[in-house]
Amino acid sequence: MLLIVDANILFSSLITKGKTAELIVSPKLKLTAPEYLLVELNENRELLARKTRLSKEEFDAFLGVVMRRIKFVKEKYFSEFLKEAKEISPEEDFPYVALALKLKSLGFEAKIWSNDKELKKALEGKIEVLTTKEILERLRINL
């Protein structure tokens, strides 16, 4: 299953070591994200490190594992979809939506992995947005 990971999913996987973190490292999922996610991560790095209560070394090690699982895509790859994405999605989510639109145009069944109800509602009928719970149900696994 090809999933576009949004920032809140990545942050959740770092902060709470639950199902989200287990899914992030699961080989059953192919994960991608716009490079914009790296900007969001860098802006929130100190806060995330504090919330995890890990040492700097432990945090960096776990972050490294997570980051190796995600294929990051440069904005120029999906730039022709930025305008449309801005029109149909909440402001902070448009890079993820633009990437989904690009992948969809190429015939991929990419879905956005997000627990954001506003995003899910905004994209209804356009791009599928799956929550962590829905992914677990689709995979029919109990990690």
N, C-alpha and C. Protein backbone atom coordinates (compact mmCIF):
# COMPACT_ATOMS: atom_id res chain seq x y z
N MET A 1 0.85 -1.18 0.00
CA MET A 1 0.00 0.00 0.00
C MET A 1 0.90 1.24 0.00
N LEU A 2 0.67 2.13 -0.97
CA LEU A 2 1.44 3.36 -1.08
C LEU A 2 0.73 4.48 -0.32
N LEU A 3 1.41 5.04 0.65
CA LEU A 3 0.83 6.08 1.49
C LEU A 3 1.71 7.32 1.52
N ILE A 4 1.05 8.47 1.44
CA ILE A 4 1.72 9.75 1.62
C ILE A 4 1.55 10.12 3.09
N VAL A 5 2.65 10.21 3.79
CA VAL A 5 2.63 10.44 5.23
C VAL A 5 2.58 11.94 5.51
N ASP A 6 1.62 12.37 6.33
CA ASP A 6 1.59 13.79 6.70
C ASP A 6 2.39 14.01 7.98
N ALA A 7 2.67 15.25 8.28
CA ALA A 7 3.54 15.60 9.40
C ALA A 7 3.00 15.09 10.73
N ASN A 8 1.70 15.20 10.95
CA ASN A 8 1.15 14.77 12.24
C ASN A 8 1.33 13.28 12.48
N ILE A 9 1.28 12.49 11.42
CA ILE A 9 1.52 11.05 11.55
C ILE A 9 2.97 10.81 11.94
N LEU A 10 3.88 11.48 11.26
CA LEU A 10 5.30 11.33 11.60
C LEU A 10 5.55 11.77 13.03
N PHE A 11 5.00 12.91 13.42
CA PHE A 11 5.20 13.42 14.78
C PHE A 11 4.64 12.44 15.80
N SER A 12 3.46 11.90 15.53
CA SER A 12 2.84 10.94 16.43
C SER A 12 3.71 9.69 16.58
N SER A 13 4.30 9.25 15.48
CA SER A 13 5.15 8.05 15.55
C SER A 13 6.38 8.30 16.41
N LEU A 14 6.85 9.53 16.44
CA LEU A 14 8.02 9.87 17.25
C LEU A 14 7.67 10.03 18.72
N ILE A 15 6.50 10.61 18.99
CA ILE A 15 6.13 10.94 20.37
C ILE A 15 5.56 9.74 21.12
N THR A 16 4.66 9.01 20.49
CA THR A 16 4.03 7.87 21.15
C THR A 16 4.45 6.60 20.44
N LYS A 17 4.90 5.66 21.16
CA LYS A 17 5.39 4.41 20.57
C LYS A 17 4.27 3.39 20.42
N GLY A 18 3.21 3.77 19.73
CA GLY A 18 2.06 2.89 19.56
C GLY A 18 1.97 2.32 18.16
N LYS A 19 0.73 2.12 17.72
CA LYS A 19 0.46 1.51 16.41
C LYS A 19 1.02 2.36 15.26
N THR A 20 0.97 3.67 15.41
CA THR A 20 1.48 4.53 14.34
C THR A 20 2.97 4.28 14.12
N ALA A 21 3.73 4.22 15.20
CA ALA A 21 5.17 3.97 15.10
C ALA A 21 5.44 2.59 14.50
N GLU A 22 4.63 1.62 14.88
CA GLU A 22 4.82 0.27 14.34
C GLU A 22 4.50 0.22 12.85
N LEU A 23 3.46 0.94 12.44
CA LEU A 23 3.12 0.99 11.02
C LEU A 23 4.20 1.70 10.20
N ILE A 24 4.74 2.77 10.76
CA ILE A 24 5.78 3.54 10.05
C ILE A 24 6.95 2.63 9.66
N VAL A 25 7.31 1.70 10.52
CA VAL A 25 8.46 0.83 10.22
C VAL A 25 8.05 -0.49 9.58
N SER A 26 6.76 -0.69 9.34
CA SER A 26 6.28 -1.94 8.74
C SER A 26 6.66 -2.03 7.26
N PRO A 27 7.23 -3.16 6.85
CA PRO A 27 7.56 -3.33 5.43
C PRO A 27 6.32 -3.52 4.55
N LYS A 28 5.15 -3.65 5.15
CA LYS A 28 3.91 -3.82 4.38
C LYS A 28 3.46 -2.51 3.74
N LEU A 29 4.05 -1.40 4.16
CA LEU A 29 3.66 -0.09 3.64
C LEU A 29 4.81 0.54 2.87
N LYS A 30 4.47 1.20 1.77
CA LYS A 30 5.44 2.03 1.03
C LYS A 30 5.07 3.46 1.37
N LEU A 31 6.02 4.18 1.93
CA LEU A 31 5.76 5.54 2.41
C LEU A 31 6.49 6.58 1.59
N THR A 32 5.80 7.66 1.33
CA THR A 32 6.39 8.79 0.64
C THR A 32 5.86 10.08 1.26
N ALA A 33 6.52 11.17 0.96
CA ALA A 33 6.10 12.48 1.48
C ALA A 33 6.81 13.56 0.69
N PRO A 34 6.20 14.74 0.61
CA PRO A 34 6.91 15.85 -0.01
C PRO A 34 8.06 16.28 0.90
N GLU A 35 9.12 16.83 0.30
CA GLU A 35 10.24 17.31 1.11
C GLU A 35 9.80 18.35 2.14
N TYR A 36 8.66 18.95 1.91
CA TYR A 36 8.09 19.91 2.86
C TYR A 36 7.99 19.31 4.26
N LEU A 37 7.79 18.02 4.35
CA LEU A 37 7.72 17.36 5.65
C LEU A 37 9.02 17.56 6.43
N LEU A 38 10.14 17.59 5.73
CA LEU A 38 11.43 17.82 6.39
C LEU A 38 11.50 19.22 6.99
N VAL A 39 10.90 20.19 6.31
CA VAL A 39 10.85 21.56 6.83
C VAL A 39 10.04 21.58 8.12
N GLU A 40 8.87 20.94 8.09
CA GLU A 40 8.03 20.89 9.29
C GLU A 40 8.74 20.17 10.43
N LEU A 41 9.46 19.12 10.10
CA LEU A 41 10.20 18.38 11.12
C LEU A 41 11.28 19.25 11.74
N ASN A 42 12.04 19.94 10.92
CA ASN A 42 13.10 20.81 11.45
C ASN A 42 12.55 21.94 12.30
N GLU A 43 11.39 22.48 11.91
CA GLU A 43 10.77 23.55 12.69
C GLU A 43 10.31 23.06 14.06
N ASN A 44 10.01 21.78 14.17
CA ASN A 44 9.46 21.23 15.41
C ASN A 44 10.40 20.25 16.11
N ARG A 45 11.63 20.16 15.66
CA ARG A 45 12.57 19.15 16.16
C ARG A 45 12.78 19.23 17.67
N GLU A 46 13.04 20.41 18.20
CA GLU A 46 13.30 20.54 19.63
C GLU A 46 12.08 20.16 20.46
N LEU A 47 10.91 20.61 20.04
CA LEU A 47 9.67 20.27 20.74
C LEU A 47 9.44 18.76 20.71
N LEU A 48 9.64 18.15 19.57
CA LEU A 48 9.46 16.70 19.45
C LEU A 48 10.44 15.95 20.34
N ALA A 49 11.68 16.39 20.35
CA ALA A 49 12.70 15.74 21.18
C ALA A 49 12.32 15.81 22.66
N ARG A 50 11.79 16.96 23.09
CA ARG A 50 11.36 17.09 24.49
C ARG A 50 10.18 16.18 24.80
N LYS A 51 9.22 16.13 23.88
CA LYS A 51 8.01 15.33 24.11
C LYS A 51 8.29 13.84 24.14
N THR A 52 9.31 13.39 23.44
CA THR A 52 9.62 11.96 23.43
C THR A 52 10.30 11.51 24.72
N ARG A 53 10.90 12.45 25.41
CA ARG A 53 11.66 12.17 26.64
C ARG A 53 12.83 11.21 26.38
N LEU A 54 13.32 11.23 25.17
CA LEU A 54 14.49 10.43 24.82
C LEU A 54 15.73 11.31 24.88
N SER A 55 16.87 10.68 25.05
CA SER A 55 18.11 11.44 24.96
C SER A 55 18.26 11.89 23.51
N LYS A 56 19.13 12.86 23.29
CA LYS A 56 19.35 13.35 21.92
C LYS A 56 19.78 12.20 21.01
N GLU A 57 20.66 11.34 21.51
CA GLU A 57 21.15 10.22 20.71
C GLU A 57 20.04 9.23 20.38
N GLU A 58 19.19 8.92 21.38
CA GLU A 58 18.08 7.99 21.15
C GLU A 58 17.08 8.58 20.16
N PHE A 59 16.78 9.87 20.34
CA PHE A 59 15.84 10.54 19.45
C PHE A 59 16.37 10.53 18.02
N ASP A 60 17.63 10.90 17.85
CA ASP A 60 18.23 10.94 16.51
C ASP A 60 18.25 9.55 15.87
N ALA A 61 18.52 8.51 16.68
CA ALA A 61 18.55 7.14 16.16
C ALA A 61 17.16 6.71 15.68
N PHE A 62 16.15 6.97 16.50
CA PHE A 62 14.79 6.59 16.12
C PHE A 62 14.34 7.39 14.90
N LEU A 63 14.64 8.68 14.91
CA LEU A 63 14.29 9.53 13.78
C LEU A 63 14.95 9.02 12.50
N GLY A 64 16.19 8.58 12.62
CA GLY A 64 16.90 8.03 11.46
C GLY A 64 16.21 6.81 10.88
N VAL A 65 15.75 5.92 11.75
CA VAL A 65 15.03 4.72 11.31
C VAL A 65 13.77 5.12 10.56
N VAL A 66 13.02 6.04 11.15
CA VAL A 66 11.76 6.50 10.55
C VAL A 66 12.03 7.17 9.20
N MET A 67 13.01 8.03 9.15
CA MET A 67 13.29 8.80 7.93
C MET A 67 13.75 7.90 6.78
N ARG A 68 14.43 6.81 7.09
CA ARG A 68 14.86 5.89 6.04
C ARG A 68 13.68 5.14 5.41
N ARG A 69 12.56 5.11 6.09
CA ARG A 69 11.38 4.41 5.59
C ARG A 69 10.57 5.27 4.61
N ILE A 70 10.81 6.57 4.60
CA ILE A 70 10.01 7.48 3.78
C ILE A 70 10.82 7.98 2.59
N LYS A 71 10.23 7.86 1.40
CA LYS A 71 10.87 8.42 0.19
C LYS A 71 10.39 9.85 0.05
N PHE A 72 11.30 10.79 0.13
CA PHE A 72 10.96 12.20 0.04
C PHE A 72 11.02 12.67 -1.41
N VAL A 73 10.02 13.47 -1.79
CA VAL A 73 9.86 13.91 -3.18
C VAL A 73 10.02 15.43 -3.25
N LYS A 74 10.86 15.87 -4.17
CA LYS A 74 11.07 17.31 -4.36
C LYS A 74 9.81 17.96 -4.94
N GLU A 75 9.57 19.21 -4.53
CA GLU A 75 8.37 19.93 -4.97
C GLU A 75 8.28 20.06 -6.49
N LYS A 76 9.42 20.18 -7.15
CA LYS A 76 9.39 20.35 -8.60
C LYS A 76 8.73 19.16 -9.30
N TYR A 77 8.73 18.00 -8.66
CA TYR A 77 8.12 16.80 -9.23
C TYR A 77 6.60 16.92 -9.33
N PHE A 78 5.99 17.65 -8.40
CA PHE A 78 4.52 17.76 -8.39
C PHE A 78 4.04 19.21 -8.45
N SER A 79 4.91 20.12 -8.88
CA SER A 79 4.58 21.55 -8.86
C SER A 79 3.36 21.92 -9.70
N GLU A 80 3.10 21.16 -10.77
CA GLU A 80 1.95 21.49 -11.61
C GLU A 80 0.61 21.25 -10.91
N PHE A 81 0.65 20.59 -9.75
CA PHE A 81 -0.58 20.32 -9.00
C PHE A 81 -0.73 21.20 -7.76
N LEU A 82 0.21 22.10 -7.52
CA LEU A 82 0.15 22.94 -6.32
C LEU A 82 -1.07 23.85 -6.30
N LYS A 83 -1.38 24.46 -7.42
CA LYS A 83 -2.54 25.38 -7.46
C LYS A 83 -3.83 24.63 -7.13
N GLU A 84 -4.05 23.51 -7.79
CA GLU A 84 -5.26 22.72 -7.52
C GLU A 84 -5.30 22.26 -6.07
N ALA A 85 -4.16 21.82 -5.55
CA ALA A 85 -4.10 21.35 -4.17
C ALA A 85 -4.46 22.46 -3.19
N LYS A 86 -4.00 23.67 -3.46
CA LYS A 86 -4.31 24.81 -2.58
C LYS A 86 -5.81 25.11 -2.59
N GLU A 87 -6.45 24.86 -3.71
CA GLU A 87 -7.88 25.13 -3.84
C GLU A 87 -8.76 24.11 -3.11
N ILE A 88 -8.29 22.88 -2.98
CA ILE A 88 -9.15 21.83 -2.43
C ILE A 88 -8.77 21.35 -1.03
N SER A 89 -7.67 21.86 -0.48
CA SER A 89 -7.24 21.33 0.82
C SER A 89 -6.99 22.44 1.83
N PRO A 90 -7.00 22.06 3.12
CA PRO A 90 -6.61 23.03 4.15
C PRO A 90 -5.19 23.54 3.85
N GLU A 91 -4.94 24.78 4.21
CA GLU A 91 -3.71 25.48 3.81
C GLU A 91 -2.43 24.70 4.08
N GLU A 92 -2.27 24.17 5.28
CA GLU A 92 -1.01 23.53 5.64
C GLU A 92 -0.81 22.16 4.98
N ASP A 93 -1.85 21.62 4.36
CA ASP A 93 -1.78 20.27 3.79
C ASP A 93 -1.55 20.23 2.29
N PHE A 94 -1.51 21.38 1.63
CA PHE A 94 -1.48 21.36 0.17
C PHE A 94 -0.29 20.62 -0.44
N PRO A 95 0.93 20.61 0.15
CA PRO A 95 2.01 19.85 -0.49
C PRO A 95 1.71 18.34 -0.55
N TYR A 96 1.07 17.83 0.50
CA TYR A 96 0.72 16.40 0.54
C TYR A 96 -0.34 16.09 -0.52
N VAL A 97 -1.29 16.99 -0.65
CA VAL A 97 -2.37 16.83 -1.62
C VAL A 97 -1.81 16.93 -3.04
N ALA A 98 -0.92 17.87 -3.28
CA ALA A 98 -0.32 18.01 -4.62
C ALA A 98 0.44 16.75 -5.01
N LEU A 99 1.17 16.18 -4.07
CA LEU A 99 1.88 14.93 -4.35
C LEU A 99 0.89 13.81 -4.66
N ALA A 100 -0.19 13.74 -3.91
CA ALA A 100 -1.22 12.71 -4.16
C ALA A 100 -1.82 12.89 -5.55
N LEU A 101 -2.10 14.13 -5.93
CA LEU A 101 -2.66 14.39 -7.26
C LEU A 101 -1.69 13.97 -8.36
N LYS A 102 -0.41 14.25 -8.17
CA LYS A 102 0.61 13.86 -9.15
C LYS A 102 0.66 12.34 -9.29
N LEU A 103 0.71 11.65 -8.17
CA LEU A 103 0.78 10.19 -8.21
C LEU A 103 -0.47 9.60 -8.85
N LYS A 104 -1.61 10.19 -8.53
CA LYS A 104 -2.88 9.75 -9.11
C LYS A 104 -2.85 9.94 -10.63
N SER A 105 -2.30 11.06 -11.09
CA SER A 105 -2.22 11.33 -12.53
C SER A 105 -1.33 10.32 -13.26
N LEU A 106 -0.43 9.70 -12.52
CA LEU A 106 0.47 8.69 -13.09
C LEU A 106 -0.08 7.28 -12.96
N GLY A 107 -1.29 7.16 -12.39
CA GLY A 107 -1.93 5.86 -12.28
C GLY A 107 -1.69 5.12 -10.98
N PHE A 108 -1.04 5.77 -10.03
CA PHE A 108 -0.82 5.14 -8.72
C PHE A 108 -2.04 5.34 -7.84
N GLU A 109 -2.28 4.38 -6.97
CA GLU A 109 -3.37 4.49 -6.00
C GLU A 109 -2.82 4.99 -4.67
N ALA A 110 -2.19 6.13 -4.70
CA ALA A 110 -1.62 6.70 -3.48
C ALA A 110 -2.72 7.30 -2.62
N LYS A 111 -2.61 7.06 -1.35
CA LYS A 111 -3.56 7.59 -0.38
C LYS A 111 -2.78 8.44 0.62
N ILE A 112 -3.45 9.38 1.24
CA ILE A 112 -2.80 10.19 2.27
C ILE A 112 -3.09 9.55 3.62
N TRP A 113 -2.04 9.38 4.41
CA TRP A 113 -2.17 8.83 5.76
C TRP A 113 -2.22 10.02 6.71
N SER A 114 -3.40 10.26 7.26
CA SER A 114 -3.60 11.39 8.16
C SER A 114 -4.78 11.11 9.07
N ASN A 115 -4.69 11.57 10.29
CA ASN A 115 -5.82 11.48 11.22
C ASN A 115 -6.58 12.80 11.29
N ASP A 116 -6.33 13.68 10.34
CA ASP A 116 -6.94 15.01 10.28
C ASP A 116 -8.34 14.92 9.65
N LYS A 117 -9.36 15.09 10.47
CA LYS A 117 -10.75 14.98 10.00
C LYS A 117 -11.10 16.06 8.98
N GLU A 118 -10.55 17.26 9.17
CA GLU A 118 -10.81 18.36 8.23
C GLU A 118 -10.26 18.03 6.84
N LEU A 119 -9.07 17.47 6.80
CA LEU A 119 -8.46 17.09 5.53
C LEU A 119 -9.28 15.98 4.86
N LYS A 120 -9.67 14.99 5.64
CA LYS A 120 -10.46 13.87 5.11
C LYS A 120 -11.75 14.37 4.48
N LYS A 121 -12.42 15.30 5.17
CA LYS A 121 -13.68 15.84 4.67
C LYS A 121 -13.44 16.67 3.40
N ALA A 122 -12.41 17.50 3.40
CA ALA A 122 -12.12 18.37 2.26
C ALA A 122 -11.81 17.58 0.99
N LEU A 123 -11.20 16.41 1.15
CA LEU A 123 -10.77 15.63 -0.01
C LEU A 123 -11.74 14.51 -0.39
N GLU A 124 -12.84 14.42 0.32
CA GLU A 124 -13.81 13.35 0.05
C GLU A 124 -14.20 13.33 -1.43
N GLY A 125 -14.08 12.15 -2.03
CA GLY A 125 -14.41 11.99 -3.44
C GLY A 125 -13.30 12.38 -4.39
N LYS A 126 -12.20 12.93 -3.86
CA LYS A 126 -11.08 13.36 -4.71
C LYS A 126 -9.84 12.50 -4.47
N ILE A 127 -9.44 12.46 -3.21
CA ILE A 127 -8.26 11.69 -2.81
C ILE A 127 -8.62 10.97 -1.52
N GLU A 128 -8.27 9.70 -1.45
CA GLU A 128 -8.59 8.95 -0.24
C GLU A 128 -7.61 9.30 0.88
N VAL A 129 -8.17 9.60 2.04
CA VAL A 129 -7.38 9.88 3.24
C VAL A 129 -7.70 8.78 4.24
N LEU A 130 -6.67 8.08 4.68
CA LEU A 130 -6.84 6.98 5.62
C LEU A 130 -6.27 7.34 6.98
N THR A 131 -7.00 6.98 8.02
CA THR A 131 -6.51 7.15 9.38
C THR A 131 -5.67 5.92 9.74
N THR A 132 -4.95 6.02 10.82
CA THR A 132 -4.16 4.88 11.30
C THR A 132 -5.06 3.68 11.52
N LYS A 133 -6.21 3.90 12.13
CA LYS A 133 -7.15 2.81 12.39
C LYS A 133 -7.61 2.15 11.09
N GLU A 134 -7.91 2.95 10.09
CA GLU A 134 -8.36 2.40 8.81
C GLU A 134 -7.25 1.60 8.12
N ILE A 135 -6.02 2.04 8.25
CA ILE A 135 -4.90 1.29 7.66
C ILE A 135 -4.77 -0.06 8.35
N LEU A 136 -4.85 -0.05 9.66
CA LEU A 136 -4.77 -1.31 10.41
C LEU A 136 -5.89 -2.26 9.99
N GLU A 137 -7.09 -1.72 9.82
CA GLU A 137 -8.22 -2.55 9.39
C GLU A 137 -7.99 -3.12 8.00
N ARG A 138 -7.48 -2.31 7.09
CA ARG A 138 -7.24 -2.78 5.72
C ARG A 138 -6.15 -3.83 5.66
N LEU A 139 -5.16 -3.67 6.47
CA LEU A 139 -4.07 -4.65 6.48
C LEU A 139 -4.46 -5.90 7.26
N ARG A 140 -5.52 -5.77 8.05
CA ARG A 140 -6.01 -6.87 8.89
C ARG A 140 -4.87 -7.48 9.70
N ILE A 141 -4.13 -6.58 10.31
CA ILE A 141 -3.03 -7.04 11.14
C ILE A 141 -3.17 -6.45 12.53
N ASN A 142 -2.60 -7.13 13.45
CA ASN A 142 -2.54 -6.62 14.81
C ASN A 142 -1.07 -6.56 15.18
N LEU A 143 -0.47 -5.41 14.94
CA LEU A 143 0.97 -5.25 15.19
C LEU A 143 1.30 -5.38 16.66
